[in-house]
Each structure stands twice: as C-alpha cells, then as structure tokens.
C-alpha cells in the first residue's frame, strides 16, 4: 500500500514537485525570518513599507496580495514588536499611514540578505543558465493558472 505522498507524486508529478519545493523553501525562509524576530510573510511588509513610506494599509494589502483583515492582524503584531508604526494622515485623519521604526528599518538589509541566501541555497545545484530557466518555467506555471501577479491578479 502506498502513502499519500506516493499517491500525490504518481497522480501529478509536477504539482507534487512544486509543492515539495515550495514547502522546503518556506521552511528555510521561515527559519531565517524567525532569527530576525519576524513571522513568515512579515518580511514582505517590511520591504514594501521601506520602499513605499507612508503607504496606507489598503494599498499595502493590495500590493502584497492579502486580505485587509489579515493585513490588520499582521500590522498589529508588527507594531507591538516594534517594526512598524501607524500615523494619522495630517490631511485626512481618517487615513492611517505606515512607517518603519528604527528596528524595522534595520531589518530591511537582513531580510534582503535572507532572501538572497535562500535563493542561493535553492539553486545551489544549478548553473546560472539553469537558474534563469527555472525562473522562466515557474513564471509560465503562474501564467497558466492566471495568477501572474500578487494576490492572483494578472500583471
């Protein structure tokens, strides 16, 4: 009798390979983010707010591709941890602007280094041409599912 993994691999080797590669990548990245005091996914917020200081929660959620309630919970946690701060927009007090704190700004370079090192590990067995081909093929898979951009949006 075969187990679930064997059955999944036999039924859809591409899907199984993608799922296992994604799982390995997430485990590695999660380990690296934990070392920075971040939960997986919060690094996206740190880098986005760094690149878009004063952004709104709604714009940030749209760019990253997550729902507003999920973003609100993540930001509350990050605010308690000292990575971000929220400020009322002086022109419209109903609007809240997001900024990195000193701790958040200090984490940007470490997050980007963690991404680079995780990519390096992921492609350690590939030559540069194979790594570029892998990126091209994965983009083709995303396009085939109609999710070319964040949050399942094309583009």
N, C-alpha and C. Protein backbone atom coordinates (compact mmCIF):
# COMPACT_ATOMS: atom_id res chain seq x y z
N UNK A 1 0.85 -1.18 0.00
CA UNK A 1 0.00 0.00 0.00
C UNK A 1 0.89 1.24 0.00
N UNK A 2 0.54 2.21 -0.81
CA UNK A 2 1.33 3.44 -0.87
C UNK A 2 0.69 4.50 0.01
N UNK A 3 1.54 5.42 0.45
CA UNK A 3 1.06 6.51 1.29
C UNK A 3 0.58 7.68 0.45
N UNK A 4 0.13 8.71 1.13
CA UNK A 4 -0.39 9.90 0.47
C UNK A 4 0.63 10.59 -0.41
N UNK A 5 1.88 10.66 0.06
CA UNK A 5 2.90 11.32 -0.75
C UNK A 5 3.16 10.58 -2.05
N UNK A 6 3.24 9.26 -1.95
CA UNK A 6 3.48 8.47 -3.16
C UNK A 6 2.32 8.60 -4.14
N UNK A 7 1.10 8.59 -3.62
CA UNK A 7 -0.08 8.73 -4.48
C UNK A 7 -0.09 10.11 -5.14
N UNK A 8 0.23 11.15 -4.38
CA UNK A 8 0.26 12.50 -4.94
C UNK A 8 1.33 12.62 -6.01
N UNK A 9 2.48 12.04 -5.76
CA UNK A 9 3.57 12.10 -6.73
C UNK A 9 3.20 11.37 -8.01
N UNK A 10 2.52 10.23 -7.88
CA UNK A 10 2.12 9.46 -9.06
C UNK A 10 1.02 10.17 -9.84
N UNK A 11 0.10 10.81 -9.13
CA UNK A 11 -1.04 11.45 -9.79
C UNK A 11 -0.66 12.75 -10.48
N UNK A 12 0.28 13.46 -9.96
CA UNK A 12 0.65 14.75 -10.53
C UNK A 12 2.08 15.11 -10.19
N UNK A 13 3.04 14.56 -10.93
CA UNK A 13 4.44 14.79 -10.56
C UNK A 13 4.85 16.26 -10.57
N UNK A 14 4.27 17.06 -11.45
CA UNK A 14 4.61 18.49 -11.47
C UNK A 14 4.09 19.16 -10.21
N UNK A 15 2.82 18.92 -9.91
CA UNK A 15 2.23 19.51 -8.71
C UNK A 15 2.95 19.07 -7.44
N UNK A 16 3.28 17.81 -7.38
CA UNK A 16 3.99 17.29 -6.21
C UNK A 16 5.36 17.94 -6.08
N UNK A 17 6.08 18.03 -7.18
CA UNK A 17 7.41 18.64 -7.15
C UNK A 17 7.33 20.10 -6.73
N UNK A 18 6.34 20.82 -7.27
CA UNK A 18 6.15 22.22 -6.88
C UNK A 18 5.82 22.34 -5.39
N UNK A 19 4.93 21.49 -4.92
CA UNK A 19 4.53 21.54 -3.51
C UNK A 19 5.70 21.25 -2.59
N UNK A 20 6.49 20.25 -2.91
CA UNK A 20 7.62 19.90 -2.06
C UNK A 20 8.72 20.97 -2.10
N UNK A 21 8.95 21.54 -3.27
CA UNK A 21 9.94 22.62 -3.38
C UNK A 21 9.47 23.85 -2.61
N UNK A 22 8.18 24.16 -2.73
CA UNK A 22 7.62 25.30 -2.00
C UNK A 22 7.72 25.08 -0.50
N UNK A 23 7.42 23.88 -0.06
CA UNK A 23 7.50 23.57 1.37
C UNK A 23 8.93 23.74 1.88
N UNK A 24 9.90 23.21 1.15
CA UNK A 24 11.30 23.33 1.57
C UNK A 24 11.74 24.79 1.61
N UNK A 25 11.33 25.55 0.61
CA UNK A 25 11.68 26.97 0.55
C UNK A 25 11.06 27.72 1.73
N UNK A 26 9.79 27.45 2.02
CA UNK A 26 9.11 28.13 3.13
C UNK A 26 9.75 27.79 4.47
N UNK A 27 10.11 26.54 4.67
CA UNK A 27 10.75 26.13 5.93
C UNK A 27 12.06 26.89 6.12
N UNK A 28 12.85 26.96 5.07
CA UNK A 28 14.13 27.67 5.14
C UNK A 28 13.91 29.16 5.40
N UNK A 29 13.01 29.77 4.67
CA UNK A 29 12.76 31.20 4.84
C UNK A 29 12.15 31.49 6.21
N UNK A 30 11.27 30.63 6.67
CA UNK A 30 10.68 30.81 7.99
C UNK A 30 11.75 30.76 9.08
N UNK A 31 12.70 29.86 8.95
CA UNK A 31 13.81 29.77 9.91
C UNK A 31 14.60 31.07 9.92
N UNK A 32 14.88 31.59 8.75
CA UNK A 32 15.66 32.83 8.65
C UNK A 32 14.89 34.02 9.21
N UNK A 33 13.59 34.10 8.93
CA UNK A 33 12.80 35.21 9.44
C UNK A 33 12.67 35.14 10.96
N UNK A 34 12.52 33.94 11.50
CA UNK A 34 12.43 33.79 12.95
C UNK A 34 13.70 34.32 13.62
N UNK A 35 14.83 34.12 12.97
CA UNK A 35 16.09 34.66 13.50
C UNK A 35 16.11 36.17 13.55
N UNK A 36 15.25 36.81 12.77
CA UNK A 36 15.15 38.28 12.76
C UNK A 36 14.00 38.78 13.64
N UNK A 37 13.27 37.85 14.25
CA UNK A 37 12.13 38.24 15.07
C UNK A 37 10.86 38.45 14.27
N UNK A 38 10.83 37.92 13.04
CA UNK A 38 9.68 38.09 12.15
C UNK A 38 8.99 36.76 11.91
N UNK A 39 7.70 36.83 11.64
CA UNK A 39 6.96 35.67 11.17
C UNK A 39 7.01 35.68 9.64
N UNK A 40 6.93 34.51 9.04
CA UNK A 40 6.96 34.41 7.59
C UNK A 40 5.84 35.27 7.00
N UNK A 41 6.17 36.07 6.02
CA UNK A 41 5.23 36.98 5.39
C UNK A 41 5.41 38.41 5.86
N UNK A 42 5.87 38.58 7.10
CA UNK A 42 6.10 39.93 7.61
C UNK A 42 7.26 40.62 6.90
N UNK A 43 8.17 39.83 6.37
CA UNK A 43 9.30 40.43 5.64
C UNK A 43 8.80 41.17 4.40
N UNK A 44 7.72 40.69 3.81
CA UNK A 44 7.14 41.37 2.65
C UNK A 44 6.63 42.75 3.05
N UNK A 45 6.04 42.83 4.22
CA UNK A 45 5.53 44.11 4.73
C UNK A 45 6.69 45.06 5.01
N UNK A 46 7.73 44.56 5.66
CA UNK A 46 8.90 45.40 5.99
C UNK A 46 9.48 46.02 4.72
N UNK A 47 9.72 45.20 3.72
CA UNK A 47 10.35 45.70 2.50
C UNK A 47 9.41 46.63 1.74
N UNK A 48 8.13 46.29 1.69
CA UNK A 48 7.18 47.15 0.98
C UNK A 48 7.05 48.52 1.65
N UNK A 49 6.94 48.56 2.96
CA UNK A 49 6.83 49.84 3.66
C UNK A 49 8.13 50.63 3.51
N UNK A 50 9.25 49.93 3.49
CA UNK A 50 10.54 50.60 3.25
C UNK A 50 10.55 51.28 1.88
N UNK A 51 10.02 50.59 0.89
CA UNK A 51 10.01 51.13 -0.48
C UNK A 51 8.88 52.13 -0.71
N UNK A 52 7.86 52.09 0.14
CA UNK A 52 6.69 52.97 0.00
C UNK A 52 6.36 53.61 1.34
N UNK A 53 7.27 54.43 1.89
CA UNK A 53 6.99 55.02 3.21
C UNK A 53 5.72 55.86 3.18
N UNK A 54 4.94 55.72 4.25
CA UNK A 54 3.69 56.46 4.33
C UNK A 54 2.54 55.81 3.59
N UNK A 55 2.73 54.59 3.13
CA UNK A 55 1.67 53.87 2.43
C UNK A 55 0.49 53.64 3.36
N UNK A 56 -0.66 53.36 2.78
CA UNK A 56 -1.83 53.01 3.58
C UNK A 56 -1.92 51.49 3.70
N UNK A 57 -2.67 51.05 4.70
CA UNK A 57 -2.87 49.62 4.89
C UNK A 57 -3.55 49.00 3.67
N UNK A 58 -4.52 49.69 3.10
CA UNK A 58 -5.25 49.15 1.94
C UNK A 58 -4.32 48.99 0.75
N UNK A 59 -3.49 49.99 0.49
CA UNK A 59 -2.56 49.90 -0.64
C UNK A 59 -1.53 48.80 -0.42
N UNK A 60 -1.04 48.69 0.81
CA UNK A 60 -0.07 47.65 1.15
C UNK A 60 -0.69 46.27 0.95
N UNK A 61 -1.90 46.06 1.45
CA UNK A 61 -2.57 44.77 1.31
C UNK A 61 -2.76 44.42 -0.16
N UNK A 62 -3.13 45.40 -0.97
CA UNK A 62 -3.34 45.16 -2.40
C UNK A 62 -2.02 44.77 -3.07
N UNK A 63 -0.94 45.50 -2.77
CA UNK A 63 0.34 45.19 -3.41
C UNK A 63 0.86 43.82 -3.02
N UNK A 64 0.69 43.45 -1.78
CA UNK A 64 1.21 42.16 -1.31
C UNK A 64 0.27 41.02 -1.69
N UNK A 65 -1.01 41.34 -1.84
CA UNK A 65 -1.97 40.32 -2.27
C UNK A 65 -2.59 39.56 -1.12
N UNK A 66 -2.87 40.25 -0.01
CA UNK A 66 -3.56 39.61 1.10
C UNK A 66 -4.78 40.43 1.48
N UNK A 67 -5.69 39.80 2.18
CA UNK A 67 -6.94 40.44 2.59
C UNK A 67 -6.68 41.47 3.69
N UNK A 68 -7.54 42.49 3.73
CA UNK A 68 -7.40 43.56 4.73
C UNK A 68 -7.37 43.05 6.18
N UNK A 69 -8.28 42.14 6.59
CA UNK A 69 -8.23 41.69 7.98
C UNK A 69 -6.92 40.99 8.33
N UNK A 70 -6.38 40.23 7.38
CA UNK A 70 -5.10 39.57 7.60
C UNK A 70 -3.99 40.60 7.75
N UNK A 71 -4.03 41.63 6.90
CA UNK A 71 -3.04 42.70 6.98
C UNK A 71 -3.15 43.42 8.32
N UNK A 72 -4.37 43.70 8.76
CA UNK A 72 -4.56 44.41 10.03
C UNK A 72 -3.95 43.63 11.19
N UNK A 73 -4.16 42.31 11.20
CA UNK A 73 -3.58 41.48 12.27
C UNK A 73 -2.06 41.48 12.21
N UNK A 74 -1.52 41.36 11.00
CA UNK A 74 -0.05 41.35 10.85
C UNK A 74 0.54 42.68 11.31
N UNK A 75 -0.09 43.78 10.92
CA UNK A 75 0.43 45.10 11.30
C UNK A 75 0.33 45.32 12.81
N UNK A 76 -0.75 44.86 13.43
CA UNK A 76 -0.88 44.99 14.88
C UNK A 76 0.25 44.25 15.58
N UNK A 77 0.53 43.05 15.12
CA UNK A 77 1.61 42.25 15.71
C UNK A 77 2.96 42.93 15.48
N UNK A 78 3.17 43.45 14.27
CA UNK A 78 4.44 44.10 13.96
C UNK A 78 4.61 45.41 14.72
N UNK A 79 3.50 46.09 14.96
CA UNK A 79 3.55 47.32 15.75
C UNK A 79 3.93 46.99 17.20
N UNK A 80 3.32 45.95 17.76
CA UNK A 80 3.66 45.53 19.12
C UNK A 80 5.12 45.10 19.23
N UNK A 81 5.65 44.51 18.16
CA UNK A 81 7.04 44.06 18.15
C UNK A 81 8.03 45.17 17.83
N UNK A 82 7.51 46.34 17.48
CA UNK A 82 8.38 47.48 17.25
C UNK A 82 8.97 47.60 15.85
N UNK A 83 8.35 46.98 14.86
CA UNK A 83 8.84 47.06 13.48
C UNK A 83 8.19 48.18 12.67
N UNK A 84 6.92 48.46 12.94
CA UNK A 84 6.20 49.50 12.19
C UNK A 84 5.47 50.42 13.16
N UNK A 85 5.13 51.58 12.66
CA UNK A 85 4.27 52.49 13.42
C UNK A 85 3.21 53.04 12.47
N UNK A 86 2.06 53.32 13.04
CA UNK A 86 0.95 53.89 12.27
C UNK A 86 0.79 55.34 12.70
N UNK A 87 0.58 56.20 11.71
CA UNK A 87 0.37 57.62 11.99
C UNK A 87 -0.83 58.11 11.20
N UNK A 88 -1.63 58.94 11.84
CA UNK A 88 -2.77 59.54 11.15
C UNK A 88 -2.25 60.50 10.09
N UNK A 89 -2.89 60.49 8.93
CA UNK A 89 -2.53 61.41 7.85
C UNK A 89 -2.94 62.82 8.29
N UNK A 90 -2.01 63.77 8.27
CA UNK A 90 -2.37 65.12 8.72
C UNK A 90 -3.44 65.78 7.85
N UNK A 91 -3.53 65.40 6.58
CA UNK A 91 -4.52 65.99 5.67
C UNK A 91 -5.88 65.33 5.81
N UNK A 92 -5.92 64.08 6.27
CA UNK A 92 -7.18 63.35 6.41
C UNK A 92 -7.02 62.38 7.58
N UNK A 93 -7.51 62.75 8.74
CA UNK A 93 -7.30 61.98 9.96
C UNK A 93 -7.93 60.58 9.88
N UNK A 94 -8.77 60.34 8.90
CA UNK A 94 -9.37 59.00 8.75
C UNK A 94 -8.38 58.03 8.13
N UNK A 95 -7.33 58.55 7.49
CA UNK A 95 -6.34 57.72 6.80
C UNK A 95 -5.15 57.50 7.72
N UNK A 96 -4.71 56.25 7.80
CA UNK A 96 -3.54 55.91 8.59
C UNK A 96 -2.38 55.59 7.66
N UNK A 97 -1.26 56.19 7.93
CA UNK A 97 -0.04 55.98 7.14
C UNK A 97 0.91 55.07 7.91
N UNK A 98 1.63 54.23 7.17
CA UNK A 98 2.54 53.26 7.78
C UNK A 98 3.99 53.68 7.56
N UNK A 99 4.78 53.50 8.61
CA UNK A 99 6.21 53.82 8.55
C UNK A 99 6.97 52.75 9.30
N UNK A 100 8.21 52.52 8.91
CA UNK A 100 9.07 51.63 9.67
C UNK A 100 9.63 52.37 10.87
N UNK A 101 9.81 51.65 11.95
CA UNK A 101 10.52 52.18 13.11
C UNK A 101 12.01 51.97 12.85
N UNK A 102 12.84 52.37 13.79
CA UNK A 102 14.27 52.10 13.66
C UNK A 102 14.54 50.61 13.55
N UNK A 103 13.83 49.81 14.34
CA UNK A 103 14.00 48.36 14.28
C UNK A 103 13.58 47.82 12.91
N UNK A 104 12.48 48.33 12.39
CA UNK A 104 12.01 47.89 11.07
C UNK A 104 12.99 48.25 9.98
N UNK A 105 13.49 49.49 10.02
CA UNK A 105 14.46 49.93 9.01
C UNK A 105 15.73 49.10 9.09
N UNK A 106 16.15 48.76 10.31
CA UNK A 106 17.36 47.95 10.47
C UNK A 106 17.18 46.53 9.94
N UNK A 107 15.94 46.06 9.88
CA UNK A 107 15.68 44.69 9.42
C UNK A 107 15.69 44.56 7.90
N UNK A 108 15.56 45.66 7.17
CA UNK A 108 15.44 45.59 5.71
C UNK A 108 16.62 44.88 5.07
N UNK A 109 17.83 45.29 5.38
CA UNK A 109 19.01 44.68 4.78
C UNK A 109 19.12 43.21 5.16
N UNK A 110 18.78 42.87 6.40
CA UNK A 110 18.83 41.48 6.84
C UNK A 110 17.80 40.63 6.11
N UNK A 111 16.62 41.18 5.88
CA UNK A 111 15.58 40.46 5.13
C UNK A 111 16.05 40.21 3.71
N UNK A 112 16.57 41.24 3.06
CA UNK A 112 17.03 41.08 1.68
C UNK A 112 18.19 40.09 1.61
N UNK A 113 19.07 40.09 2.60
CA UNK A 113 20.16 39.12 2.64
C UNK A 113 19.62 37.71 2.83
N UNK A 114 18.59 37.56 3.65
CA UNK A 114 17.98 36.25 3.86
C UNK A 114 17.34 35.74 2.58
N UNK A 115 16.67 36.63 1.84
CA UNK A 115 16.09 36.23 0.55
C UNK A 115 17.19 35.77 -0.40
N UNK A 116 18.27 36.53 -0.47
CA UNK A 116 19.37 36.19 -1.37
C UNK A 116 19.98 34.84 -0.99
N UNK A 117 20.22 34.62 0.29
CA UNK A 117 20.82 33.37 0.74
C UNK A 117 19.87 32.19 0.52
N UNK A 118 18.58 32.41 0.73
CA UNK A 118 17.60 31.33 0.49
C UNK A 118 17.56 30.98 -0.99
N UNK A 119 17.58 31.98 -1.86
CA UNK A 119 17.64 31.72 -3.30
C UNK A 119 18.92 30.99 -3.67
N UNK A 120 20.03 31.40 -3.07
CA UNK A 120 21.31 30.74 -3.35
C UNK A 120 21.23 29.26 -2.98
N UNK A 121 20.67 28.96 -1.82
CA UNK A 121 20.52 27.56 -1.42
C UNK A 121 19.59 26.80 -2.35
N UNK A 122 18.50 27.46 -2.76
CA UNK A 122 17.52 26.81 -3.62
C UNK A 122 18.10 26.44 -4.98
N UNK A 123 19.07 27.21 -5.44
CA UNK A 123 19.64 26.98 -6.77
C UNK A 123 21.07 26.47 -6.70
N UNK A 124 21.49 25.98 -5.54
CA UNK A 124 22.88 25.55 -5.35
C UNK A 124 23.31 24.48 -6.34
N UNK A 125 22.41 23.62 -6.77
CA UNK A 125 22.77 22.56 -7.70
C UNK A 125 22.59 22.94 -9.16
N UNK A 126 22.29 24.20 -9.42
CA UNK A 126 22.03 24.65 -10.79
C UNK A 126 23.12 25.60 -11.26
N UNK A 127 23.42 25.56 -12.55
CA UNK A 127 24.31 26.59 -13.08
C UNK A 127 23.45 27.83 -13.36
N UNK A 128 24.07 28.99 -13.62
CA UNK A 128 23.29 30.22 -13.80
C UNK A 128 22.22 30.12 -14.89
N UNK A 129 22.53 29.44 -15.99
CA UNK A 129 21.53 29.30 -17.06
C UNK A 129 20.34 28.47 -16.59
N UNK A 130 20.60 27.42 -15.82
CA UNK A 130 19.51 26.59 -15.30
C UNK A 130 18.66 27.38 -14.30
N UNK A 131 19.30 28.20 -13.48
CA UNK A 131 18.55 29.02 -12.52
C UNK A 131 17.63 30.00 -13.25
N UNK A 132 18.13 30.62 -14.31
CA UNK A 132 17.29 31.53 -15.10
C UNK A 132 16.14 30.76 -15.75
N UNK A 133 16.42 29.57 -16.24
CA UNK A 133 15.38 28.74 -16.86
C UNK A 133 14.33 28.34 -15.83
N UNK A 134 14.75 28.03 -14.63
CA UNK A 134 13.80 27.69 -13.57
C UNK A 134 12.85 28.86 -13.31
N UNK A 135 13.39 30.06 -13.21
CA UNK A 135 12.55 31.25 -13.00
C UNK A 135 11.57 31.41 -14.16
N UNK A 136 12.05 31.22 -15.38
CA UNK A 136 11.18 31.34 -16.55
C UNK A 136 10.06 30.30 -16.51
N UNK A 137 10.40 29.07 -16.19
CA UNK A 137 9.40 28.00 -16.14
C UNK A 137 8.38 28.23 -15.03
N UNK A 138 8.83 28.68 -13.88
CA UNK A 138 7.89 28.96 -12.79
C UNK A 138 6.96 30.11 -13.14
N UNK A 139 7.46 31.10 -13.86
CA UNK A 139 6.60 32.20 -14.33
C UNK A 139 5.55 31.67 -15.30
N UNK A 140 5.94 30.72 -16.14
CA UNK A 140 4.99 30.12 -17.08
C UNK A 140 3.90 29.36 -16.34
N UNK A 141 4.27 28.68 -15.26
CA UNK A 141 3.27 27.97 -14.45
C UNK A 141 2.29 28.96 -13.83
N UNK A 142 2.81 30.05 -13.28
CA UNK A 142 1.93 31.09 -12.71
C UNK A 142 0.98 31.63 -13.76
N UNK A 143 1.49 31.90 -14.95
CA UNK A 143 0.66 32.43 -16.03
C UNK A 143 -0.41 31.43 -16.43
N UNK A 144 -0.06 30.15 -16.46
CA UNK A 144 -1.02 29.11 -16.83
C UNK A 144 -2.21 29.07 -15.86
N UNK A 145 -1.96 29.42 -14.62
CA UNK A 145 -3.03 29.46 -13.62
C UNK A 145 -3.73 30.81 -13.59
N UNK A 146 -3.29 31.74 -14.44
CA UNK A 146 -3.92 33.05 -14.48
C UNK A 146 -3.59 33.91 -13.28
N UNK A 147 -2.47 33.63 -12.65
CA UNK A 147 -2.09 34.42 -11.47
C UNK A 147 -0.69 34.97 -11.67
N UNK A 148 -0.59 35.88 -12.61
CA UNK A 148 0.71 36.44 -12.92
C UNK A 148 1.22 37.43 -11.90
N UNK A 149 0.34 37.96 -11.05
CA UNK A 149 0.78 38.97 -10.10
C UNK A 149 0.35 38.65 -8.69
N UNK A 150 0.68 39.52 -7.75
CA UNK A 150 0.31 39.30 -6.35
C UNK A 150 -1.19 39.16 -6.19
N UNK A 151 -1.57 38.29 -5.28
CA UNK A 151 -2.98 38.14 -4.97
C UNK A 151 -3.80 37.51 -6.08
N UNK A 152 -3.12 36.84 -7.02
CA UNK A 152 -3.84 36.16 -8.09
C UNK A 152 -4.24 37.05 -9.23
N UNK A 153 -3.72 38.28 -9.25
CA UNK A 153 -4.06 39.20 -10.33
C UNK A 153 -3.03 39.07 -11.44
N UNK A 154 -3.47 39.18 -12.66
CA UNK A 154 -2.53 39.17 -13.77
C UNK A 154 -1.74 40.46 -13.77
N UNK A 155 -0.47 40.35 -14.19
CA UNK A 155 0.36 41.54 -14.33
C UNK A 155 1.21 41.70 -13.19
